Protein backbone atom coordinates (compact mmCIF):
# COMPACT_ATOMS: atom_id res chain seq x y z
CA MET A 1 -113.53 -209.18 -2.21
CA GLY A 2 -115.23 -208.92 0.87
CA ARG A 3 -118.20 -207.04 1.11
CA PRO A 4 -118.73 -204.66 4.42
CA GLY A 5 -120.92 -204.64 7.21
CA ARG A 6 -120.40 -206.40 9.95
CA LYS A 7 -118.31 -209.68 10.15
CA ARG A 8 -119.40 -212.74 8.47
CA ARG A 9 -120.94 -215.83 10.37
CA LEU A 10 -120.08 -217.87 7.75
CA ALA A 11 -121.36 -221.74 9.41
CA LEU A 12 -124.72 -219.48 9.41
CA GLU A 13 -124.72 -218.10 5.95
CA ASP A 14 -123.46 -221.69 4.99
CA GLU A 15 -126.55 -223.34 6.67
CA TYR A 16 -128.69 -220.92 5.03
CA TRP A 17 -127.72 -221.49 1.77
CA LYS A 18 -128.46 -225.37 2.52
CA LEU A 19 -131.83 -224.64 3.99
CA ILE A 20 -132.55 -222.23 0.55
CA GLY A 21 -131.22 -224.98 -1.00
CA ASP A 22 -133.63 -228.17 0.59
CA GLY A 23 -136.58 -225.25 0.10
CA VAL A 24 -136.89 -223.48 2.18
CA GLY A 25 -138.77 -220.38 2.78
CA THR A 26 -135.72 -217.10 3.31
CA VAL A 27 -138.50 -215.79 6.64
CA GLU A 28 -138.62 -219.97 7.90
CA ALA A 29 -134.38 -220.66 7.39
CA CYS A 30 -133.48 -217.20 9.10
CA ARG A 31 -136.34 -219.12 12.40
CA ARG A 32 -134.64 -222.08 12.85
CA LEU A 33 -131.44 -220.32 12.33
CA GLY A 34 -132.07 -217.64 15.52
CA ILE A 35 -131.23 -214.54 12.98
CA GLY A 36 -132.79 -211.90 11.59
CA ARG A 37 -135.09 -211.33 7.99
CA THR A 38 -132.84 -208.38 7.42
CA THR A 39 -129.60 -210.93 7.33
CA GLY A 40 -131.22 -213.11 5.04
CA TYR A 41 -132.78 -211.38 2.92
CA TYR A 42 -129.63 -209.79 2.55
CA TRP A 43 -127.80 -212.30 2.31
CA ARG A 44 -129.97 -213.74 -0.76
CA ALA A 45 -130.87 -210.19 -2.53
CA HIS A 46 -126.51 -209.78 -2.87
CA ARG A 47 -127.03 -212.98 -4.57
CA GLY A 48 -129.61 -212.17 -7.66
CA GLY A 49 -131.38 -215.52 -5.60
CA LEU A 50 -128.95 -217.96 -6.65
CA LEU A 51 -127.42 -220.71 -4.50
CA ARG A 52 -124.31 -219.93 -2.94
CA THR A 53 -122.28 -222.82 -3.84
CA THR A 54 -119.39 -222.71 -0.89
CA LEU A 55 -117.69 -226.18 -0.17
CA PRO A 56 -118.76 -227.65 3.70
CA GLU A 57 -115.66 -227.05 5.97
CA ASP A 58 -115.23 -230.35 6.25
CA THR A 59 -114.88 -231.23 2.57
CA ARG A 60 -111.81 -228.58 2.36
CA SER A 61 -109.01 -230.65 1.10
CA GLY A 62 -105.86 -229.91 3.98
CA ARG A 63 -103.37 -228.42 1.77
CA TYR A 64 -105.81 -224.67 2.90
CA LEU A 65 -106.01 -224.01 6.59
CA SER A 66 -109.20 -224.70 8.58
CA LEU A 67 -111.41 -222.34 10.46
CA LEU A 68 -110.35 -223.95 13.98
CA GLU A 69 -106.32 -223.72 12.48
CA ARG A 70 -107.04 -219.81 11.80
CA GLU A 71 -108.64 -219.55 15.68
CA ARG A 72 -104.84 -221.50 17.15
CA ILE A 73 -102.72 -218.91 14.20
CA GLY A 74 -105.09 -216.15 15.92
CA VAL A 75 -104.60 -218.01 20.34
CA LEU A 76 -100.99 -218.11 19.64
CA ARG A 77 -100.20 -214.38 18.23
CA ALA A 78 -101.84 -212.83 21.23
CA GLU A 79 -99.52 -215.67 23.25
CA GLU A 80 -96.76 -212.74 21.38
CA LEU A 81 -95.37 -215.77 19.22
CA GLY A 82 -93.32 -215.56 15.55
CA VAL A 83 -94.26 -217.52 13.32
CA ARG A 84 -92.04 -220.16 13.45
CA ALA A 85 -93.30 -220.80 16.86
CA ILE A 86 -96.43 -220.95 15.57
CA ALA A 87 -95.20 -223.37 12.35
CA ALA A 88 -94.24 -226.04 15.14
CA ARG A 89 -97.50 -226.15 16.84
CA LEU A 90 -99.89 -226.31 14.01
CA ASN A 91 -97.20 -228.23 11.94
CA ARG A 92 -97.31 -225.60 8.71
CA ALA A 93 -94.40 -224.82 7.06
CA PRO A 94 -93.53 -221.56 8.12
CA SER A 95 -94.16 -219.91 4.88
CA THR A 96 -97.94 -220.71 4.94
CA ILE A 97 -98.60 -218.96 8.44
CA SER A 98 -96.30 -215.98 7.11
CA ARG A 99 -98.50 -215.48 4.27
CA GLU A 100 -101.37 -216.22 5.91
CA LEU A 101 -100.62 -213.15 8.45
CA ARG A 102 -99.62 -211.62 5.40
CA ARG A 103 -103.35 -211.66 2.81
CA ASN A 104 -105.37 -211.77 4.97
CA VAL A 105 -104.71 -208.50 7.73
CA LEU A 106 -105.62 -205.49 6.79
CA GLU A 107 -104.92 -202.09 7.75
CA SER A 108 -107.42 -201.54 8.91
CA ASP A 109 -107.48 -204.21 11.69
CA ARG A 110 -104.46 -202.21 13.05
CA GLY A 111 -101.93 -204.98 13.22
CA ARG A 112 -103.94 -207.46 15.51
CA TYR A 113 -105.35 -210.91 13.53
CA ASP A 114 -109.05 -211.80 13.45
CA PRO A 115 -109.25 -215.52 12.57
CA GLY A 116 -112.79 -215.45 11.97
CA LEU A 117 -112.49 -212.14 9.21
CA ALA A 118 -109.51 -214.22 8.07
CA HIS A 119 -111.11 -216.95 7.05
CA ALA A 120 -114.38 -215.43 5.61
CA ARG A 121 -111.66 -213.25 3.19
CA ALA A 122 -109.88 -216.40 2.40
CA ARG A 123 -113.31 -218.02 1.06
CA GLU A 124 -113.66 -214.99 -1.06
CA GLN A 125 -110.33 -215.24 -2.93
CA ALA A 126 -110.26 -218.75 -2.99
CA ARG A 127 -113.13 -218.23 -5.12
CA ARG A 128 -111.71 -217.25 -7.98
CA HIS A 129 -114.88 -214.60 -9.58
CA ARG A 130 -114.43 -214.22 -13.24
CA ARG A 131 -116.12 -212.60 -15.23
CA PRO A 132 -118.97 -213.48 -16.71
CA ILE A 133 -118.39 -213.55 -21.14
CA LEU A 134 -121.95 -211.56 -20.88
CA ALA A 135 -119.33 -208.75 -19.39
CA LEU A 136 -116.66 -209.03 -21.67
CA ASP A 137 -118.69 -209.19 -25.00
CA PRO A 138 -120.47 -205.79 -25.23
CA GLU A 139 -122.19 -206.81 -28.95
CA LEU A 140 -123.28 -209.62 -27.45
CA ARG A 141 -124.46 -208.38 -24.69
CA ALA A 142 -126.37 -206.11 -26.70
CA VAL A 143 -128.58 -208.73 -28.62
CA VAL A 144 -129.39 -210.78 -25.47
CA GLN A 145 -130.65 -207.72 -24.79
CA ALA A 146 -132.57 -206.79 -27.24
CA ARG A 147 -134.29 -210.03 -27.19
CA LEU A 148 -134.51 -210.03 -23.09
CA GLU A 149 -136.58 -206.24 -23.89
CA GLU A 150 -139.11 -208.02 -26.55
CA GLN A 151 -139.66 -210.54 -23.82
CA TRP A 152 -138.20 -213.36 -25.48
CA SER A 153 -136.91 -216.27 -22.49
CA PRO A 154 -133.77 -217.25 -21.30
CA GLU A 155 -133.89 -220.40 -23.66
CA GLN A 156 -135.57 -218.77 -26.23
CA ILE A 157 -132.48 -217.08 -27.03
CA SER A 158 -129.80 -219.50 -26.05
CA ALA A 159 -131.18 -221.36 -28.97
CA TRP A 160 -131.73 -217.82 -31.16
CA LEU A 161 -128.08 -217.15 -31.41
CA ARG A 162 -127.00 -220.64 -32.30
CA GLN A 163 -129.21 -220.50 -35.02
CA ALA A 164 -128.97 -216.84 -36.19
CA HIS A 165 -125.12 -217.03 -35.42
CA PRO A 166 -123.80 -220.40 -36.57
CA ASP A 167 -120.22 -218.77 -37.21
CA LYS A 168 -119.99 -217.65 -33.75
CA PRO A 169 -119.23 -220.46 -31.37
CA GLY A 170 -117.98 -217.77 -28.88
CA TRP A 171 -121.75 -216.21 -28.92
CA HIS A 172 -123.98 -219.79 -28.40
CA LEU A 173 -124.87 -218.98 -24.47
CA CYS A 174 -126.32 -222.18 -22.17
CA HIS A 175 -129.83 -220.10 -20.97
CA GLU A 176 -128.85 -220.48 -17.85
CA THR A 177 -125.53 -218.55 -18.53
CA ILE A 178 -127.92 -215.82 -19.76
CA TYR A 179 -130.32 -216.34 -16.15
CA GLN A 180 -127.25 -216.34 -14.22
CA GLY A 181 -126.23 -213.08 -16.06
CA LEU A 182 -129.72 -211.16 -14.83
CA PHE A 183 -129.72 -212.16 -11.38
CA PHE A 184 -125.70 -211.82 -10.78
CA GLY A 185 -124.80 -210.28 -13.60
CA GLY A 186 -121.86 -208.38 -12.20
CA VAL A 187 -119.77 -205.58 -13.00
CA ASP A 188 -120.70 -204.34 -16.64
CA GLY A 189 -123.15 -207.30 -16.81
CA LEU A 190 -127.15 -207.40 -17.71
CA SER A 191 -128.75 -204.69 -15.73
CA ARG A 192 -131.07 -206.51 -13.51
CA GLU A 193 -133.86 -204.10 -14.13
CA LEU A 194 -134.46 -206.66 -17.05
CA THR A 195 -135.55 -210.06 -14.88
CA LYS A 196 -139.42 -207.61 -15.39
CA ASN A 197 -139.46 -208.57 -19.03
CA LEU A 198 -138.90 -212.87 -17.74
CA ARG A 199 -142.74 -214.46 -17.46
CA THR A 200 -142.21 -214.44 -13.81
CA GLY A 201 -141.10 -210.77 -13.57
CA ARG A 202 -138.97 -211.46 -10.53
CA SER A 203 -135.90 -209.40 -9.64
CA LEU A 204 -134.67 -212.97 -8.00
CA ARG A 205 -134.81 -216.66 -8.90
CA ARG A 206 -137.54 -219.01 -6.48
CA ARG A 207 -137.67 -221.89 -6.77
CA ARG A 208 -140.67 -224.20 -8.12
CA ARG A 209 -143.38 -225.18 -5.35
CA ARG A 210 -145.97 -227.44 -6.58
CA ARG A 211 -149.26 -224.66 -6.66
CA GLU A 212 -152.65 -226.64 -7.17
CA HIS A 213 -156.17 -226.42 -7.40
CA GLY A 214 -159.31 -227.87 -6.51
CA PRO A 215 -162.01 -228.09 -8.82
CA ARG A 216 -165.63 -227.51 -8.32
CA PHE A 217 -167.75 -228.57 -11.16
CA LYS A 218 -169.55 -232.38 -10.11
CA ALA A 219 -171.72 -232.84 -12.76
CA PRO A 220 -168.98 -234.13 -16.13
CA SER A 221 -170.17 -234.98 -18.61
CA LYS A 222 -167.31 -238.03 -20.43
CA THR A 223 -164.55 -238.47 -18.37
CA ILE A 224 -161.06 -237.91 -19.53
CA ASP A 225 -160.20 -241.34 -19.87
CA LEU A 226 -162.94 -241.67 -22.83
CA ARG A 227 -161.58 -239.87 -24.94
CA PRO A 228 -159.94 -240.76 -28.27
CA ALA A 229 -157.00 -242.08 -27.73
CA VAL A 230 -155.12 -239.85 -30.28
CA VAL A 231 -155.06 -236.93 -28.48
CA GLU A 232 -152.59 -238.68 -26.04
CA GLU A 233 -150.31 -238.65 -29.12
CA ARG A 234 -149.71 -235.20 -30.39
CA SER A 235 -150.45 -235.66 -34.15
CA ARG A 236 -152.54 -233.86 -35.31
CA ILE A 237 -153.36 -230.30 -34.57
CA GLY A 238 -158.03 -229.23 -33.23
CA ASP A 239 -157.52 -231.34 -29.49
CA PHE A 240 -157.63 -228.58 -27.50
CA GLU A 241 -157.73 -228.34 -23.65
CA GLY A 242 -159.32 -225.44 -21.22
CA ASP A 243 -159.70 -223.11 -17.98
CA LEU A 244 -159.84 -220.15 -16.22
CA ILE A 245 -157.57 -217.80 -15.08
CA ILE A 246 -158.66 -215.80 -12.42
CA GLY A 247 -158.16 -212.12 -10.89
CA ARG A 248 -158.29 -210.91 -7.74
CA GLY A 249 -160.55 -211.16 -5.23
CA GLY A 250 -162.00 -213.69 -8.81
CA ALA A 251 -164.33 -211.00 -9.64
CA SER A 252 -163.12 -211.20 -13.20
CA SER A 253 -161.42 -213.97 -15.63
CA ILE A 254 -160.88 -214.70 -18.18
CA GLY A 255 -161.00 -218.44 -20.50
CA THR A 256 -158.00 -219.81 -22.10
CA LEU A 257 -158.14 -222.60 -24.41
CA VAL A 258 -154.53 -223.48 -25.80
CA ASP A 259 -154.07 -226.98 -28.74
CA ARG A 260 -152.31 -229.76 -27.58
CA THR A 261 -150.35 -229.97 -30.41
CA SER A 262 -149.27 -226.37 -31.80
CA ARG A 263 -149.26 -225.27 -27.92
CA TYR A 264 -151.62 -222.15 -30.22
CA ILE A 265 -153.73 -220.09 -27.76
CA ARG A 266 -157.24 -218.67 -27.90
CA LEU A 267 -157.75 -216.20 -24.85
CA ILE A 268 -160.85 -215.63 -24.38
CA ARG A 269 -163.87 -212.06 -22.94
CA LEU A 270 -165.76 -213.87 -20.15
CA PRO A 271 -168.46 -211.45 -18.78
CA ALA A 272 -168.67 -210.56 -15.34
CA THR A 273 -171.32 -213.85 -13.71
CA ARG A 274 -170.04 -216.78 -14.88
CA SER A 275 -173.18 -218.54 -15.18
CA GLY A 276 -172.97 -221.35 -17.61
CA GLU A 277 -175.22 -219.76 -20.74
CA ASP A 278 -172.93 -216.69 -20.48
CA PHE A 279 -169.04 -218.72 -20.35
CA ALA A 280 -171.39 -221.01 -23.18
CA ALA A 281 -172.09 -217.79 -25.17
CA ALA A 282 -168.44 -216.42 -25.01
CA LEU A 283 -166.93 -219.23 -25.89
CA LEU A 284 -168.60 -219.79 -28.58
CA ALA A 285 -168.20 -216.06 -30.32
CA GLY A 286 -164.54 -216.16 -28.75
CA LEU A 287 -163.42 -219.56 -31.63
CA ALA A 288 -166.16 -218.03 -34.51
CA ASP A 289 -163.39 -217.62 -36.64
CA LEU A 290 -161.58 -220.34 -36.34
CA PRO A 291 -162.01 -223.60 -39.40
CA ALA A 292 -163.87 -226.01 -38.07
CA GLU A 293 -161.04 -228.38 -38.77
CA ARG A 294 -159.27 -227.20 -36.31
CA LEU A 295 -161.75 -228.21 -33.79
CA LEU A 296 -162.44 -231.95 -33.15
CA THR A 297 -161.79 -232.80 -28.69
CA LEU A 298 -162.22 -229.92 -25.84
CA THR A 299 -160.12 -231.46 -22.24
CA TRP A 300 -161.66 -229.03 -19.41
CA ASP A 301 -161.10 -229.36 -15.17
CA GLN A 302 -164.35 -229.51 -13.67
CA GLY A 303 -165.26 -225.38 -12.80
CA ASN A 304 -169.06 -225.12 -13.35
CA GLU A 305 -168.94 -222.10 -15.89
CA MET A 306 -169.39 -225.99 -18.14
CA ALA A 307 -172.67 -226.22 -16.65
CA ARG A 308 -173.09 -226.18 -19.58
CA HIS A 309 -171.09 -227.71 -21.88
CA ASP A 310 -173.76 -229.77 -24.08
CA LEU A 311 -174.19 -225.92 -25.86
CA VAL A 312 -170.03 -226.00 -27.12
CA ALA A 313 -170.70 -229.63 -27.88
CA HIS A 314 -171.17 -229.21 -31.58
CA LEU A 315 -168.33 -227.13 -31.97
CA PHE A 316 -166.01 -230.44 -31.06
CA PRO A 317 -166.92 -233.08 -32.63
CA GLU A 318 -165.53 -235.83 -31.58
CA GLY A 319 -166.34 -234.73 -28.13
CA VAL A 320 -165.82 -232.25 -24.82
CA PHE A 321 -164.22 -234.49 -21.55
CA PHE A 322 -162.96 -233.62 -18.22
CA ALA A 323 -160.18 -233.88 -16.14
CA TYR A 324 -161.16 -235.79 -12.74
CA ALA A 325 -161.16 -233.83 -10.06
CA GLY A 326 -157.64 -232.60 -8.44
CA CYS A 327 -155.55 -233.49 -11.66
CA PRO A 328 -154.34 -229.94 -12.94
CA TRP A 329 -151.54 -232.57 -14.92
CA GLN A 330 -154.11 -234.67 -17.07
CA ARG A 331 -154.17 -230.85 -18.60
CA GLY A 332 -150.43 -229.81 -18.11
CA THR A 333 -150.21 -228.20 -22.25
CA ASN A 334 -153.38 -225.45 -20.32
CA GLU A 335 -151.17 -225.21 -17.02
CA ASN A 336 -148.30 -224.58 -18.47
CA SER A 337 -150.00 -222.26 -21.16
CA ASN A 338 -151.27 -220.04 -18.32
CA GLY A 339 -147.85 -219.14 -16.80
CA LEU A 340 -146.59 -218.13 -19.75
CA ALA A 341 -150.17 -215.98 -19.77
CA ARG A 342 -149.67 -214.50 -16.12
CA GLN A 343 -146.63 -212.83 -17.86
CA TYR A 344 -149.21 -209.98 -19.08
CA LEU A 345 -152.11 -210.97 -17.02
CA PRO A 346 -151.40 -210.92 -12.77
CA ARG A 347 -152.23 -212.98 -9.96
CA ASN A 348 -154.46 -210.64 -8.14
CA SER A 349 -155.45 -207.84 -10.37
CA ASP A 350 -158.30 -206.79 -12.25
CA LEU A 351 -158.45 -209.12 -15.54
CA SER A 352 -161.28 -206.69 -17.25
CA VAL A 353 -160.12 -203.82 -17.99
CA HIS A 354 -158.14 -205.98 -21.02
CA THR A 355 -160.17 -205.27 -23.86
CA ASP A 356 -160.43 -208.12 -26.74
CA GLU A 357 -158.05 -205.59 -28.56
CA ASP A 358 -155.57 -206.53 -25.81
CA LEU A 359 -155.84 -210.45 -25.26
CA ARG A 360 -155.43 -210.43 -29.09
CA ARG A 361 -151.93 -208.48 -28.18
CA ILE A 362 -150.96 -210.97 -26.12
CA GLU A 363 -152.03 -214.18 -28.26
CA THR A 364 -150.35 -212.78 -30.93
CA LEU A 365 -146.99 -212.24 -28.24
CA LEU A 366 -147.24 -215.92 -27.33
CA ASN A 367 -148.35 -217.69 -30.55
CA THR A 368 -145.71 -216.00 -32.16
CA ARG A 369 -142.44 -216.72 -30.23
CA PRO A 370 -140.39 -220.12 -30.72
CA ARG A 371 -141.21 -222.58 -28.98
CA LYS A 372 -138.41 -225.27 -27.89
CA THR A 373 -140.60 -228.22 -27.81
CA LEU A 374 -141.86 -227.90 -31.46
CA GLY A 375 -138.57 -227.61 -32.68
CA TRP A 376 -137.69 -223.65 -32.64
CA ARG A 377 -141.16 -223.08 -34.59
CA THR A 378 -143.70 -221.13 -33.25
CA PRO A 379 -146.68 -222.03 -32.34
CA ALA A 380 -148.83 -220.46 -35.15
CA GLU A 381 -146.61 -221.78 -37.70
CA VAL A 382 -147.40 -225.31 -36.43
CA PHE A 383 -151.06 -224.80 -36.26
CA THR A 384 -152.32 -222.98 -40.15
CA THR A 385 -149.47 -225.08 -41.49
CA GLY A 386 -150.06 -228.33 -39.75
CA LEU A 387 -147.05 -230.67 -38.57
CA ARG A 388 -144.76 -231.06 -41.58
């Protein structure tokens, strides 16, 4: 079914989605195409940010009328040629022309054949829209919705459905099916309101962009290449990576530590001042309840909060190490965990409002979710019981 409003500009819309697929932002794509931002935002919002999959005109089968042929039909109709005469000019069957005029001239067109509008209608009809599986199965939709409301990711839900309902193969959804149902669910599908429960909280899908942050600390004690080789194997518990999550204007922060093997995360409430001494005191207090055998190494970035790393070195008998400047991927586990924590500690917010009880609650939510990389075990389970 076509969308209301002005006649769709097919070539521009195709080019817009091509630019979006190449990673160009909506504003820049609209500027390049010479269209208003409102048009680009409407096209994107209508599909929930999902890329539109439409074959380019030059790759379509010759069985179907092209835009150029429809434009010729429009000209010949204006000259009052009949169906058979038009068919002979286009080297098409008369039934093809008759069907075209019957399908793509509506009552609202007042008998006038508009080639561009007819082409848009034909392309919409060719898409063969079908109702999503989540719209067809109310029970499955309710189960998926319940997990989304508990802030599970679509990938976690997909794995859980296979484990919890092995006798219902029709429920074994791909995680992409759930994403499609969220962002472009259609009638009786999942509500787009549920996207606020995703980690990103975005109502429109967006391509990932690499973000890099420059470090500040200038005098690391030991660089990461001096770290024991066993740390890279992820074969034991106790090798931690750490960093800070910064609040609005850099006025507040929370420390994050994550075990490389179990992905168990610990959040550290920090004072307003991030001096080396204050940070070390907060770190010591935040790790006081962890067993000594669960603390072996620590890898940090070169932020100046670790200026007094010597005050916490005794907690990690195998050493405290620092990643190289501008290399956040050397602490990839921690960077990923910071992204997960941002669901509860959003950017540009005041992080000082979170109490210790708030941070323990967030830890529990993160540490009790099944993780794909752990074979769908939880970080808390792996950290407590080990690798077995």
